[in-house]
All heavy atoms as atom14 arrays in JSON, in Angstrom:
{
  "sequence": "DAGQARLRDYVKGVFADVLPKGWLPAEDKIYVNPTGLFEIGG",
  "atom14_mask": [
    [1, 1, 1, 1, 1, 1, 1, 1, 0, 0, 0, 0, 0, 0],
    [1, 1, 1, 1, 1, 0, 0, 0, 0, 0, 0, 0, 0, 0],
    [1, 1, 1, 1, 0, 0, 0, 0, 0, 0, 0, 0, 0, 0],
    [1, 1, 1, 1, 1, 1, 1, 1, 1, 0, 0, 0, 0, 0],
    [1, 1, 1, 1, 1, 0, 0, 0, 0, 0, 0, 0, 0, 0],
    [1, 1, 1, 1, 1, 1, 1, 1, 1, 1, 1, 0, 0, 0],
    [1, 1, 1, 1, 1, 1, 1, 1, 0, 0, 0, 0, 0, 0],
    [1, 1, 1, 1, 1, 1, 1, 1, 1, 1, 1, 0, 0, 0],
    [1, 1, 1, 1, 1, 1, 1, 1, 0, 0, 0, 0, 0, 0],
    [1, 1, 1, 1, 1, 1, 1, 1, 1, 1, 1, 1, 0, 0],
    [1, 1, 1, 1, 1, 1, 1, 0, 0, 0, 0, 0, 0, 0],
    [1, 1, 1, 1, 1, 1, 1, 1, 1, 0, 0, 0, 0, 0],
    [1, 1, 1, 1, 0, 0, 0, 0, 0, 0, 0, 0, 0, 0],
    [1, 1, 1, 1, 1, 1, 1, 0, 0, 0, 0, 0, 0, 0],
    [1, 1, 1, 1, 1, 1, 1, 1, 1, 1, 1, 0, 0, 0],
    [1, 1, 1, 1, 1, 0, 0, 0, 0, 0, 0, 0, 0, 0],
    [1, 1, 1, 1, 1, 1, 1, 1, 0, 0, 0, 0, 0, 0],
    [1, 1, 1, 1, 1, 1, 1, 0, 0, 0, 0, 0, 0, 0],
    [1, 1, 1, 1, 1, 1, 1, 1, 0, 0, 0, 0, 0, 0],
    [1, 1, 1, 1, 1, 1, 1, 0, 0, 0, 0, 0, 0, 0],
    [1, 1, 1, 1, 1, 1, 1, 1, 1, 0, 0, 0, 0, 0],
    [1, 1, 1, 1, 0, 0, 0, 0, 0, 0, 0, 0, 0, 0],
    [1, 1, 1, 1, 1, 1, 1, 1, 1, 1, 1, 1, 1, 1],
    [1, 1, 1, 1, 1, 1, 1, 1, 0, 0, 0, 0, 0, 0],
    [1, 1, 1, 1, 1, 1, 1, 0, 0, 0, 0, 0, 0, 0],
    [1, 1, 1, 1, 1, 0, 0, 0, 0, 0, 0, 0, 0, 0],
    [1, 1, 1, 1, 1, 1, 1, 1, 1, 0, 0, 0, 0, 0],
    [1, 1, 1, 1, 1, 1, 1, 1, 0, 0, 0, 0, 0, 0],
    [1, 1, 1, 1, 1, 1, 1, 1, 1, 0, 0, 0, 0, 0],
    [1, 1, 1, 1, 1, 1, 1, 1, 0, 0, 0, 0, 0, 0],
    [1, 1, 1, 1, 1, 1, 1, 1, 1, 1, 1, 1, 0, 0],
    [1, 1, 1, 1, 1, 1, 1, 0, 0, 0, 0, 0, 0, 0],
    [1, 1, 1, 1, 1, 1, 1, 1, 0, 0, 0, 0, 0, 0],
    [1, 1, 1, 1, 1, 1, 1, 0, 0, 0, 0, 0, 0, 0],
    [1, 1, 1, 1, 1, 1, 1, 0, 0, 0, 0, 0, 0, 0],
    [1, 1, 1, 1, 0, 0, 0, 0, 0, 0, 0, 0, 0, 0],
    [1, 1, 1, 1, 1, 1, 1, 1, 0, 0, 0, 0, 0, 0],
    [1, 1, 1, 1, 1, 1, 1, 1, 1, 1, 1, 0, 0, 0],
    [1, 1, 1, 1, 1, 1, 1, 1, 1, 0, 0, 0, 0, 0],
    [1, 1, 1, 1, 1, 1, 1, 1, 0, 0, 0, 0, 0, 0],
    [1, 1, 1, 1, 0, 0, 0, 0, 0, 0, 0, 0, 0, 0],
    [1, 1, 1, 1, 0, 0, 0, 0, 0, 0, 0, 0, 0, 0]
  ],
  "atom14_positions": [
    [[-39.89, 41.2, -20.77], [-39.82, 41.88, -22.07], [-38.94, 43.08, -21.99], [-38.09, 43.3, -22.98], [-41.26, 42.22, -22.54], [-42.02, 41.06, -22.99], [-41.45, 39.92, -23.1], [-43.28, 41.12, -23.11], [0.0, 0.0, 0.0], [0.0, 0.0, 0.0], [0.0, 0.0, 0.0], [0.0, 0.0, 0.0], [0.0, 0.0, 0.0], [0.0, 0.0, 0.0]],
    [[-39.05, 43.93, -20.98], [-38.28, 45.17, -20.91], [-36.77, 44.82, -20.78], [-35.94, 45.51, -21.4], [-38.74, 46.01, -19.8], [0.0, 0.0, 0.0], [0.0, 0.0, 0.0], [0.0, 0.0, 0.0], [0.0, 0.0, 0.0], [0.0, 0.0, 0.0], [0.0, 0.0, 0.0], [0.0, 0.0, 0.0], [0.0, 0.0, 0.0], [0.0, 0.0, 0.0]],
    [[-36.52, 43.82, -19.94], [-35.16, 43.35, -19.75], [-34.5, 42.81, -20.99], [-33.34, 43.15, -21.29], [0.0, 0.0, 0.0], [0.0, 0.0, 0.0], [0.0, 0.0, 0.0], [0.0, 0.0, 0.0], [0.0, 0.0, 0.0], [0.0, 0.0, 0.0], [0.0, 0.0, 0.0], [0.0, 0.0, 0.0], [0.0, 0.0, 0.0], [0.0, 0.0, 0.0]],
    [[-35.29, 42.04, -21.73], [-34.72, 41.5, -22.94], [-34.51, 42.58, -24.0], [-33.55, 42.48, -24.82], [-35.65, 40.37, -23.56], [-35.62, 39.12, -22.69], [-34.3, 38.47, -22.55], [-33.7, 38.08, -23.59], [-33.8, 38.37, -21.28], [0.0, 0.0, 0.0], [0.0, 0.0, 0.0], [0.0, 0.0, 0.0], [0.0, 0.0, 0.0], [0.0, 0.0, 0.0]],
    [[-35.34, 43.59, -24.02], [-35.12, 44.7, -24.95], [-33.85, 45.51, -24.56], [-33.14, 45.91, -25.45], [-36.35, 45.66, -24.85], [0.0, 0.0, 0.0], [0.0, 0.0, 0.0], [0.0, 0.0, 0.0], [0.0, 0.0, 0.0], [0.0, 0.0, 0.0], [0.0, 0.0, 0.0], [0.0, 0.0, 0.0], [0.0, 0.0, 0.0], [0.0, 0.0, 0.0]],
    [[-33.67, 45.62, -23.28], [-32.39, 46.31, -22.77], [-31.18, 45.49, -23.25], [-30.19, 46.12, -23.69], [-32.51, 46.46, -21.27], [-31.26, 47.11, -20.66], [-31.35, 47.09, -19.12], [-30.15, 47.64, -18.51], [-29.83, 47.42, -17.29], [-30.69, 46.72, -16.45], [-28.68, 47.94, -16.77], [0.0, 0.0, 0.0], [0.0, 0.0, 0.0], [0.0, 0.0, 0.0]],
    [[-31.28, 44.19, -23.04], [-30.18, 43.35, -23.48], [-29.89, 43.44, -24.91], [-28.77, 43.52, -25.37], [-30.46, 41.84, -23.05], [-29.42, 40.88, -23.31], [-28.11, 41.14, -22.51], [-29.9, 39.45, -23.01], [0.0, 0.0, 0.0], [0.0, 0.0, 0.0], [0.0, 0.0, 0.0], [0.0, 0.0, 0.0], [0.0, 0.0, 0.0], [0.0, 0.0, 0.0]],
    [[-30.97, 43.46, -25.73], [-30.78, 43.54, -27.14], [-30.05, 44.82, -27.57], [-29.15, 44.83, -28.38], [-32.08, 43.37, -27.92], [-32.0, 43.47, -29.42], [-33.4, 43.37, -30.11], [-33.32, 43.49, -31.56], [-32.98, 42.47, -32.32], [-32.85, 41.26, -31.84], [-32.9, 42.6, -33.68], [0.0, 0.0, 0.0], [0.0, 0.0, 0.0], [0.0, 0.0, 0.0]],
    [[-30.47, 45.96, -26.96], [-29.88, 47.19, -27.2], [-28.36, 47.22, -26.87], [-27.53, 47.71, -27.65], [-30.59, 48.32, -26.48], [-31.94, 48.65, -27.03], [-32.2, 48.3, -28.18], [-32.78, 49.31, -26.39], [0.0, 0.0, 0.0], [0.0, 0.0, 0.0], [0.0, 0.0, 0.0], [0.0, 0.0, 0.0], [0.0, 0.0, 0.0], [0.0, 0.0, 0.0]],
    [[-28.09, 46.55, -25.78], [-26.69, 46.49, -25.3], [-25.85, 45.65, -26.3], [-24.78, 46.11, -26.76], [-26.53, 45.88, -23.94], [-25.12, 45.41, -23.68], [-24.23, 46.35, -23.31], [-24.83, 44.08, -23.77], [-22.78, 45.86, -23.1], [-23.58, 43.62, -23.52], [-22.54, 44.57, -23.17], [-21.27, 44.11, -22.97], [0.0, 0.0, 0.0], [0.0, 0.0, 0.0]],
    [[-26.32, 44.55, -26.7], [-25.59, 43.6, -27.61], [-25.43, 44.29, -29.0], [-24.36, 44.26, -29.59], [-26.29, 42.29, -27.72], [-25.61, 41.44, -28.83], [-26.23, 41.53, -26.41], [0.0, 0.0, 0.0], [0.0, 0.0, 0.0], [0.0, 0.0, 0.0], [0.0, 0.0, 0.0], [0.0, 0.0, 0.0], [0.0, 0.0, 0.0], [0.0, 0.0, 0.0]],
    [[-26.44, 45.03, -29.51], [-26.37, 45.74, -30.73], [-25.32, 46.82, -30.65], [-24.56, 47.07, -31.64], [-27.68, 46.36, -31.13], [-28.71, 45.34, -31.6], [-30.12, 46.03, -31.82], [-30.11, 47.17, -32.77], [-31.37, 47.74, -32.96], [0.0, 0.0, 0.0], [0.0, 0.0, 0.0], [0.0, 0.0, 0.0], [0.0, 0.0, 0.0], [0.0, 0.0, 0.0]],
    [[-25.18, 47.33, -29.55], [-24.13, 48.44, -29.33], [-22.69, 47.78, -29.44], [-21.78, 48.31, -29.99], [0.0, 0.0, 0.0], [0.0, 0.0, 0.0], [0.0, 0.0, 0.0], [0.0, 0.0, 0.0], [0.0, 0.0, 0.0], [0.0, 0.0, 0.0], [0.0, 0.0, 0.0], [0.0, 0.0, 0.0], [0.0, 0.0, 0.0], [0.0, 0.0, 0.0]],
    [[-22.55, 46.55, -28.91], [-21.33, 45.84, -28.97], [-21.01, 45.44, -30.5], [-19.91, 45.65, -30.93], [-21.36, 44.58, -28.12], [-20.16, 43.66, -28.33], [-21.49, 44.89, -26.7], [0.0, 0.0, 0.0], [0.0, 0.0, 0.0], [0.0, 0.0, 0.0], [0.0, 0.0, 0.0], [0.0, 0.0, 0.0], [0.0, 0.0, 0.0], [0.0, 0.0, 0.0]],
    [[-22.08, 44.97, -31.13], [-21.87, 44.72, -32.61], [-21.42, 45.94, -33.28], [-20.37, 45.84, -34.17], [-23.21, 44.26, -33.2], [-23.65, 42.95, -32.79], [-25.05, 42.6, -32.93], [-22.82, 41.96, -32.3], [-25.51, 41.36, -32.6], [-23.28, 40.69, -31.94], [-24.7, 40.33, -32.04], [0.0, 0.0, 0.0], [0.0, 0.0, 0.0], [0.0, 0.0, 0.0]],
    [[-21.94, 47.06, -33.1], [-21.58, 48.31, -33.74], [-20.16, 48.72, -33.43], [-19.48, 49.26, -34.32], [-22.56, 49.43, -33.46], [0.0, 0.0, 0.0], [0.0, 0.0, 0.0], [0.0, 0.0, 0.0], [0.0, 0.0, 0.0], [0.0, 0.0, 0.0], [0.0, 0.0, 0.0], [0.0, 0.0, 0.0], [0.0, 0.0, 0.0], [0.0, 0.0, 0.0]],
    [[-19.76, 48.44, -32.2], [-18.37, 48.9, -31.76], [-17.29, 47.9, -32.41], [-16.21, 48.36, -32.81], [-18.29, 48.87, -30.26], [-18.99, 50.05, -29.67], [-19.34, 50.95, -30.39], [-19.19, 49.95, -28.33], [0.0, 0.0, 0.0], [0.0, 0.0, 0.0], [0.0, 0.0, 0.0], [0.0, 0.0, 0.0], [0.0, 0.0, 0.0], [0.0, 0.0, 0.0]],
    [[-17.58, 46.64, -32.45], [-16.65, 45.67, -32.82], [-16.51, 45.45, -34.4], [-15.37, 45.42, -34.9], [-17.0, 44.26, -32.18], [-16.12, 43.17, -32.8], [-16.86, 44.33, -30.69], [0.0, 0.0, 0.0], [0.0, 0.0, 0.0], [0.0, 0.0, 0.0], [0.0, 0.0, 0.0], [0.0, 0.0, 0.0], [0.0, 0.0, 0.0], [0.0, 0.0, 0.0]],
    [[-17.65, 45.5, -35.09], [-17.6, 45.33, -36.49], [-17.2, 46.59, -37.25], [-17.44, 47.71, -36.76], [-18.97, 44.81, -37.0], [-19.28, 43.4, -36.56], [-20.8, 43.07, -36.86], [-18.39, 42.34, -37.16], [0.0, 0.0, 0.0], [0.0, 0.0, 0.0], [0.0, 0.0, 0.0], [0.0, 0.0, 0.0], [0.0, 0.0, 0.0], [0.0, 0.0, 0.0]],
    [[-16.61, 46.49, -38.4], [-16.34, 47.7, -39.21], [-17.63, 48.49, -39.48], [-18.68, 47.83, -39.63], [-15.64, 47.08, -40.45], [-15.13, 45.85, -40.02], [-16.05, 45.25, -38.97], [0.0, 0.0, 0.0], [0.0, 0.0, 0.0], [0.0, 0.0, 0.0], [0.0, 0.0, 0.0], [0.0, 0.0, 0.0], [0.0, 0.0, 0.0], [0.0, 0.0, 0.0]],
    [[-17.46, 49.79, -39.68], [-18.53, 50.61, -39.97], [-19.3, 50.22, -41.24], [-18.61, 49.92, -42.18], [-18.06, 52.08, -40.12], [-19.23, 52.99, -40.24], [-18.65, 54.52, -40.26], [-19.83, 55.52, -40.42], [-19.3, 56.91, -40.47], [0.0, 0.0, 0.0], [0.0, 0.0, 0.0], [0.0, 0.0, 0.0], [0.0, 0.0, 0.0], [0.0, 0.0, 0.0]],
    [[-20.57, 50.12, -41.16], [-21.39, 49.73, -42.26], [-21.65, 48.23, -42.48], [-22.3, 47.8, -43.38], [0.0, 0.0, 0.0], [0.0, 0.0, 0.0], [0.0, 0.0, 0.0], [0.0, 0.0, 0.0], [0.0, 0.0, 0.0], [0.0, 0.0, 0.0], [0.0, 0.0, 0.0], [0.0, 0.0, 0.0], [0.0, 0.0, 0.0], [0.0, 0.0, 0.0]],
    [[-21.08, 47.4, -41.52], [-21.3, 46.01, -41.7], [-22.49, 45.41, -41.04], [-22.76, 44.2, -41.25], [-19.98, 45.36, -41.08], [-18.8, 45.31, -42.02], [-18.46, 46.17, -42.96], [-17.85, 44.25, -42.1], [-17.29, 45.74, -43.64], [-16.92, 44.64, -42.99], [-17.52, 43.07, -41.33], [-15.79, 43.87, -43.4], [-16.49, 42.27, -41.58], [-15.6, 42.62, -42.67]],
    [[-23.21, 46.08, -40.21], [-24.32, 45.53, -39.51], [-25.4, 45.1, -40.47], [-25.71, 45.76, -41.48], [-24.96, 46.51, -38.53], [-24.1, 46.85, -37.28], [-24.86, 47.81, -36.35], [-23.63, 45.63, -36.59], [0.0, 0.0, 0.0], [0.0, 0.0, 0.0], [0.0, 0.0, 0.0], [0.0, 0.0, 0.0], [0.0, 0.0, 0.0], [0.0, 0.0, 0.0]],
    [[-26.02, 43.89, -40.24], [-27.09, 43.4, -41.06], [-28.39, 44.03, -40.76], [-28.48, 44.92, -39.88], [-27.07, 41.91, -40.75], [-26.73, 41.87, -39.35], [-25.7, 42.95, -39.13], [0.0, 0.0, 0.0], [0.0, 0.0, 0.0], [0.0, 0.0, 0.0], [0.0, 0.0, 0.0], [0.0, 0.0, 0.0], [0.0, 0.0, 0.0], [0.0, 0.0, 0.0]],
    [[-29.47, 43.68, -41.56], [-30.75, 44.26, -41.22], [-31.22, 43.8, -39.81], [-30.71, 42.8, -39.25], [-31.72, 43.7, -42.25], [0.0, 0.0, 0.0], [0.0, 0.0, 0.0], [0.0, 0.0, 0.0], [0.0, 0.0, 0.0], [0.0, 0.0, 0.0], [0.0, 0.0, 0.0], [0.0, 0.0, 0.0], [0.0, 0.0, 0.0], [0.0, 0.0, 0.0]],
    [[-32.17, 44.58, -39.25], [-32.56, 44.33, -37.85], [-33.14, 42.95, -37.71], [-32.87, 42.33, -36.59], [-33.65, 45.35, -37.55], [-34.21, 45.31, -36.11], [-33.19, 45.85, -35.09], [-32.25, 46.6, -35.47], [-33.4, 45.46, -33.85], [0.0, 0.0, 0.0], [0.0, 0.0, 0.0], [0.0, 0.0, 0.0], [0.0, 0.0, 0.0], [0.0, 0.0, 0.0]],
    [[-33.73, 42.39, -38.7], [-34.4, 41.1, -38.49], [-33.36, 39.94, -38.67], [-33.59, 38.78, -38.6], [-35.52, 40.84, -39.48], [-35.2, 40.91, -40.89], [-34.01, 41.27, -41.26], [-35.99, 40.61, -41.75], [0.0, 0.0, 0.0], [0.0, 0.0, 0.0], [0.0, 0.0, 0.0], [0.0, 0.0, 0.0], [0.0, 0.0, 0.0], [0.0, 0.0, 0.0]],
    [[-32.11, 40.34, -38.97], [-31.02, 39.36, -39.07], [-30.04, 39.47, -37.85], [-28.98, 38.89, -37.83], [-30.2, 39.57, -40.33], [-31.03, 39.31, -41.58], [-31.6, 37.86, -41.64], [-32.4, 37.69, -42.87], [-33.04, 36.36, -43.01], [0.0, 0.0, 0.0], [0.0, 0.0, 0.0], [0.0, 0.0, 0.0], [0.0, 0.0, 0.0], [0.0, 0.0, 0.0]],
    [[-30.47, 40.2, -36.88], [-29.7, 40.27, -35.55], [-30.47, 39.48, -34.52], [-31.78, 39.84, -34.22], [-29.57, 41.74, -35.15], [-28.71, 42.53, -36.14], [-28.9, 41.83, -33.7], [-28.44, 43.96, -35.86], [0.0, 0.0, 0.0], [0.0, 0.0, 0.0], [0.0, 0.0, 0.0], [0.0, 0.0, 0.0], [0.0, 0.0, 0.0], [0.0, 0.0, 0.0]],
    [[-29.91, 38.47, -33.93], [-30.6, 37.59, -33.05], [-29.91, 37.63, -31.64], [-28.74, 37.29, -31.59], [-30.48, 36.06, -33.54], [-31.14, 35.99, -35.0], [-30.29, 36.07, -36.1], [-32.45, 35.72, -35.1], [-30.86, 35.97, -37.37], [-33.01, 35.55, -36.42], [-32.21, 35.68, -37.57], [-32.7, 35.52, -38.82], [0.0, 0.0, 0.0], [0.0, 0.0, 0.0]],
    [[-30.64, 38.03, -30.68], [-30.08, 38.1, -29.29], [-31.03, 37.26, -28.47], [-32.28, 37.44, -28.31], [-30.08, 39.56, -28.79], [-29.59, 39.59, -27.3], [-29.21, 40.41, -29.67], [0.0, 0.0, 0.0], [0.0, 0.0, 0.0], [0.0, 0.0, 0.0], [0.0, 0.0, 0.0], [0.0, 0.0, 0.0], [0.0, 0.0, 0.0], [0.0, 0.0, 0.0]],
    [[-30.47, 36.23, -27.85], [-31.18, 35.28, -27.05], [-32.53, 34.79, -27.71], [-33.59, 35.08, -27.25], [-31.48, 35.88, -25.62], [-30.37, 35.85, -24.67], [-29.24, 35.51, -25.14], [-30.61, 36.15, -23.4], [0.0, 0.0, 0.0], [0.0, 0.0, 0.0], [0.0, 0.0, 0.0], [0.0, 0.0, 0.0], [0.0, 0.0, 0.0], [0.0, 0.0, 0.0]],
    [[-32.31, 34.18, -28.83], [-33.52, 33.84, -29.69], [-34.48, 32.78, -28.98], [-35.61, 32.61, -29.46], [-32.89, 33.19, -30.97], [-31.48, 32.94, -30.67], [-31.07, 33.9, -29.58], [0.0, 0.0, 0.0], [0.0, 0.0, 0.0], [0.0, 0.0, 0.0], [0.0, 0.0, 0.0], [0.0, 0.0, 0.0], [0.0, 0.0, 0.0], [0.0, 0.0, 0.0]],
    [[-33.96, 32.17, -27.95], [-34.81, 31.26, -27.2], [-35.83, 31.96, -26.28], [-36.82, 31.52, -25.82], [-34.09, 30.21, -26.34], [-33.34, 31.0, -25.4], [-33.21, 29.33, -27.14], [0.0, 0.0, 0.0], [0.0, 0.0, 0.0], [0.0, 0.0, 0.0], [0.0, 0.0, 0.0], [0.0, 0.0, 0.0], [0.0, 0.0, 0.0], [0.0, 0.0, 0.0]],
    [[-35.51, 33.27, -25.99], [-36.35, 34.13, -25.17], [-35.69, 34.56, -23.87], [-35.48, 35.7, -23.6], [0.0, 0.0, 0.0], [0.0, 0.0, 0.0], [0.0, 0.0, 0.0], [0.0, 0.0, 0.0], [0.0, 0.0, 0.0], [0.0, 0.0, 0.0], [0.0, 0.0, 0.0], [0.0, 0.0, 0.0], [0.0, 0.0, 0.0], [0.0, 0.0, 0.0]],
    [[-35.22, 33.51, -23.09], [-34.58, 33.77, -21.77], [-33.35, 32.93, -21.6], [-33.24, 31.8, -22.27], [-35.48, 33.54, -20.6], [-36.81, 34.32, -20.51], [-37.61, 33.93, -19.28], [-36.48, 35.87, -20.38], [0.0, 0.0, 0.0], [0.0, 0.0, 0.0], [0.0, 0.0, 0.0], [0.0, 0.0, 0.0], [0.0, 0.0, 0.0], [0.0, 0.0, 0.0]],
    [[-32.34, 33.33, -20.9], [-31.16, 32.53, -20.62], [-30.62, 32.97, -19.28], [-29.58, 33.49, -19.09], [-30.14, 32.86, -21.72], [-28.93, 32.04, -21.74], [-27.86, 32.27, -22.68], [-28.76, 31.05, -20.85], [-26.73, 31.4, -22.71], [-27.6, 30.2, -20.85], [-26.58, 30.39, -21.84], [0.0, 0.0, 0.0], [0.0, 0.0, 0.0], [0.0, 0.0, 0.0]],
    [[-31.42, 32.58, -18.25], [-31.03, 32.88, -16.88], [-30.27, 31.69, -16.23], [-29.32, 31.87, -15.52], [-32.34, 33.18, -16.04], [-32.0, 33.58, -14.63], [-33.3, 34.01, -13.84], [-34.3, 34.32, -14.48], [-33.29, 33.89, -12.7], [0.0, 0.0, 0.0], [0.0, 0.0, 0.0], [0.0, 0.0, 0.0], [0.0, 0.0, 0.0], [0.0, 0.0, 0.0]],
    [[-30.73, 30.52, -16.56], [-30.0, 29.27, -16.09], [-28.89, 28.96, -17.05], [-29.19, 28.69, -18.3], [-31.01, 28.1, -15.92], [-32.1, 28.4, -14.98], [-30.17, 26.88, -15.43], [-33.25, 27.46, -15.0], [0.0, 0.0, 0.0], [0.0, 0.0, 0.0], [0.0, 0.0, 0.0], [0.0, 0.0, 0.0], [0.0, 0.0, 0.0], [0.0, 0.0, 0.0]],
    [[-27.6, 28.96, -16.68], [-26.62, 28.66, -17.62], [-25.35, 28.16, -17.0], [-25.3, 27.75, -15.83], [0.0, 0.0, 0.0], [0.0, 0.0, 0.0], [0.0, 0.0, 0.0], [0.0, 0.0, 0.0], [0.0, 0.0, 0.0], [0.0, 0.0, 0.0], [0.0, 0.0, 0.0], [0.0, 0.0, 0.0], [0.0, 0.0, 0.0], [0.0, 0.0, 0.0]],
    [[-24.2, 28.2, -17.66], [-23.05, 27.65, -17.11], [-23.13, 26.23, -16.9], [-24.08, 25.48, -17.4], [0.0, 0.0, 0.0], [0.0, 0.0, 0.0], [0.0, 0.0, 0.0], [0.0, 0.0, 0.0], [0.0, 0.0, 0.0], [0.0, 0.0, 0.0], [0.0, 0.0, 0.0], [0.0, 0.0, 0.0], [0.0, 0.0, 0.0], [0.0, 0.0, 0.0]]
  ]
}
């Protein structure tokens, strides 16, 4: 849980940097790893 919270904070920071100011949606419309975990990939 702590790791996924850290990941969410990081991704939200990327969103804020990349998108124009004022474009971010509501918190409940930001989805980061909605399945829960994504360790096995590629």
